[in-house]
Amino acid sequence: MRFVLFFVFFLAPTAWADCNNISCYGVGKDVVVNTYLSATGNIYIGAPSGKGKLNCQLVEGNYMTLKMNHLLYKEIYSTLLTGIAAQKHLQIRIVEGSPVCEVSYVMMSS
């Protein structure tokens, strides 16, 4: 089986980024692509410190999930990669109460 795992580590210039009950935010820093987790085509995004505040169930206790069947899958994935490459501030909003910490949308700002 071939699996894709996408880690996004949010690192502010002097400290790790954080989460609240509905989102995680910070400056994109590193991306690691590996084969792992599931063959669904979903993207798994590593949550930063404060992930315990999220109102959802993180996959393996660490990952938010961008589902392949999300209507804006390509746009969200592109925004994540662009934000990381340009070191922009990213905010990832989750679907509250979701069993896999499903990503609802992503915002990027300078």
Protein backbone atom coordinates (compact mmCIF):
# COMPACT_ATOMS: atom_id res chain seq x y z
CA MET A 1 0.00 0.00 0.00
CA ARG A 2 1.17 3.47 -0.78
CA PHE A 3 0.33 6.19 1.72
CA VAL A 4 0.90 9.89 1.72
CA LEU A 5 1.54 11.82 4.87
CA PHE A 6 1.99 15.53 4.78
CA PHE A 7 3.42 17.21 7.83
CA VAL A 8 3.16 20.93 8.24
CA PHE A 9 5.07 22.27 11.18
CA PHE A 10 4.13 25.79 12.12
CA LEU A 11 7.00 27.70 13.63
CA ALA A 12 6.75 31.39 14.44
CA PRO A 13 10.04 33.28 14.34
CA THR A 14 10.64 32.82 18.06
CA ALA A 15 8.13 30.23 19.25
CA TRP A 16 5.91 27.38 18.12
CA ALA A 17 2.53 28.33 16.78
CA ASP A 18 -0.61 27.49 18.70
CA CYS A 19 -4.17 26.23 18.42
CA ASN A 20 -7.48 27.21 19.95
CA ASN A 21 -10.69 25.18 19.94
CA ILE A 22 -11.41 25.76 16.22
CA SER A 23 -8.09 26.40 14.47
CA CYS A 24 -4.30 26.27 14.44
CA TYR A 25 -2.18 29.17 13.30
CA GLY A 26 1.42 30.15 12.73
CA VAL A 27 4.09 30.67 10.10
CA GLY A 28 4.81 27.76 7.77
CA LYS A 29 8.31 26.38 8.27
CA ASP A 30 8.96 22.80 7.14
CA VAL A 31 7.25 20.16 5.04
CA VAL A 32 8.06 16.47 5.21
CA VAL A 33 6.37 14.06 2.80
CA ASN A 34 6.45 10.41 3.77
CA THR A 35 4.53 7.22 3.05
CA TYR A 36 2.31 6.36 5.99
CA LEU A 37 -1.24 6.29 7.49
CA SER A 38 -3.88 5.69 4.79
CA ALA A 39 -4.34 5.09 1.08
CA THR A 40 -7.30 7.47 0.90
CA GLY A 41 -5.41 10.34 -0.71
CA ASN A 42 -6.05 12.50 2.33
CA ILE A 43 -3.40 14.99 3.44
CA TYR A 44 -2.36 14.79 7.09
CA ILE A 45 -1.19 18.03 8.66
CA GLY A 46 0.84 17.95 11.85
CA ALA A 47 -0.74 20.15 14.51
CA PRO A 48 1.54 22.45 16.52
CA SER A 49 1.67 22.85 20.28
CA GLY A 50 -1.72 23.61 21.75
CA LYS A 51 -3.31 20.89 19.64
CA GLY A 52 -5.09 19.55 22.73
CA LYS A 53 -7.32 22.62 22.63
CA LEU A 54 -8.87 21.61 19.28
CA ASN A 55 -12.49 20.47 19.42
CA CYS A 56 -11.93 17.37 17.28
CA GLN A 57 -10.14 14.02 17.29
CA LEU A 58 -6.64 14.32 15.78
CA VAL A 59 -5.54 11.31 13.71
CA GLU A 60 -3.04 9.38 15.85
CA GLY A 61 -3.29 12.26 18.33
CA ASN A 62 -1.24 14.55 16.07
CA TYR A 63 -2.73 15.18 12.64
CA MET A 64 -5.50 17.26 11.12
CA THR A 65 -6.97 15.81 7.92
CA LEU A 66 -7.58 17.49 4.58
CA LYS A 67 -9.93 15.02 2.93
CA MET A 68 -9.38 14.29 -0.74
CA ASN A 69 -13.11 14.72 -1.40
CA HIS A 70 -13.15 18.29 0.02
CA LEU A 71 -14.57 20.61 -2.66
CA LEU A 72 -11.54 22.90 -2.30
CA TYR A 73 -8.91 20.18 -1.81
CA LYS A 74 -6.53 21.45 -4.49
CA GLU A 75 -6.94 25.09 -3.47
CA ILE A 76 -6.34 24.37 0.23
CA TYR A 77 -3.35 22.17 -0.53
CA SER A 78 -1.94 24.87 -2.82
CA THR A 79 -2.48 27.54 -0.15
CA LEU A 80 -0.63 25.42 2.41
CA LEU A 81 2.34 24.89 0.11
CA THR A 82 2.42 28.56 -0.93
CA GLY A 83 2.22 29.72 2.68
CA ILE A 84 5.06 27.45 3.68
CA ALA A 85 7.27 28.46 0.75
CA ALA A 86 6.62 32.18 1.33
CA GLN A 87 6.78 31.95 5.14
CA LYS A 88 3.29 33.49 5.43
CA HIS A 89 0.99 33.31 8.43
CA LEU A 90 -1.42 30.40 8.04
CA GLN A 91 -4.60 29.59 9.90
CA ILE A 92 -6.16 26.16 9.50
CA ARG A 93 -9.82 25.99 10.53
CA ILE A 94 -11.20 22.58 11.48
CA VAL A 95 -14.72 21.13 11.47
CA GLU A 96 -15.68 21.17 15.15
CA GLY A 97 -16.32 17.75 16.64
CA SER A 98 -15.06 15.87 13.58
CA PRO A 99 -13.64 12.40 14.25
CA VAL A 100 -10.50 13.11 12.14
CA CYS A 101 -10.00 16.84 12.79
CA GLU A 102 -11.18 17.58 9.27
CA VAL A 103 -9.87 20.79 7.70
CA SER A 104 -12.66 23.21 6.81
CA TYR A 105 -10.59 25.99 5.24
CA VAL A 106 -7.19 27.69 5.31
CA MET A 107 -6.37 31.41 5.44
CA MET A 108 -3.02 32.97 4.57
CA SER A 109 -1.88 36.45 5.52
CA SER A 110 1.38 38.39 5.64
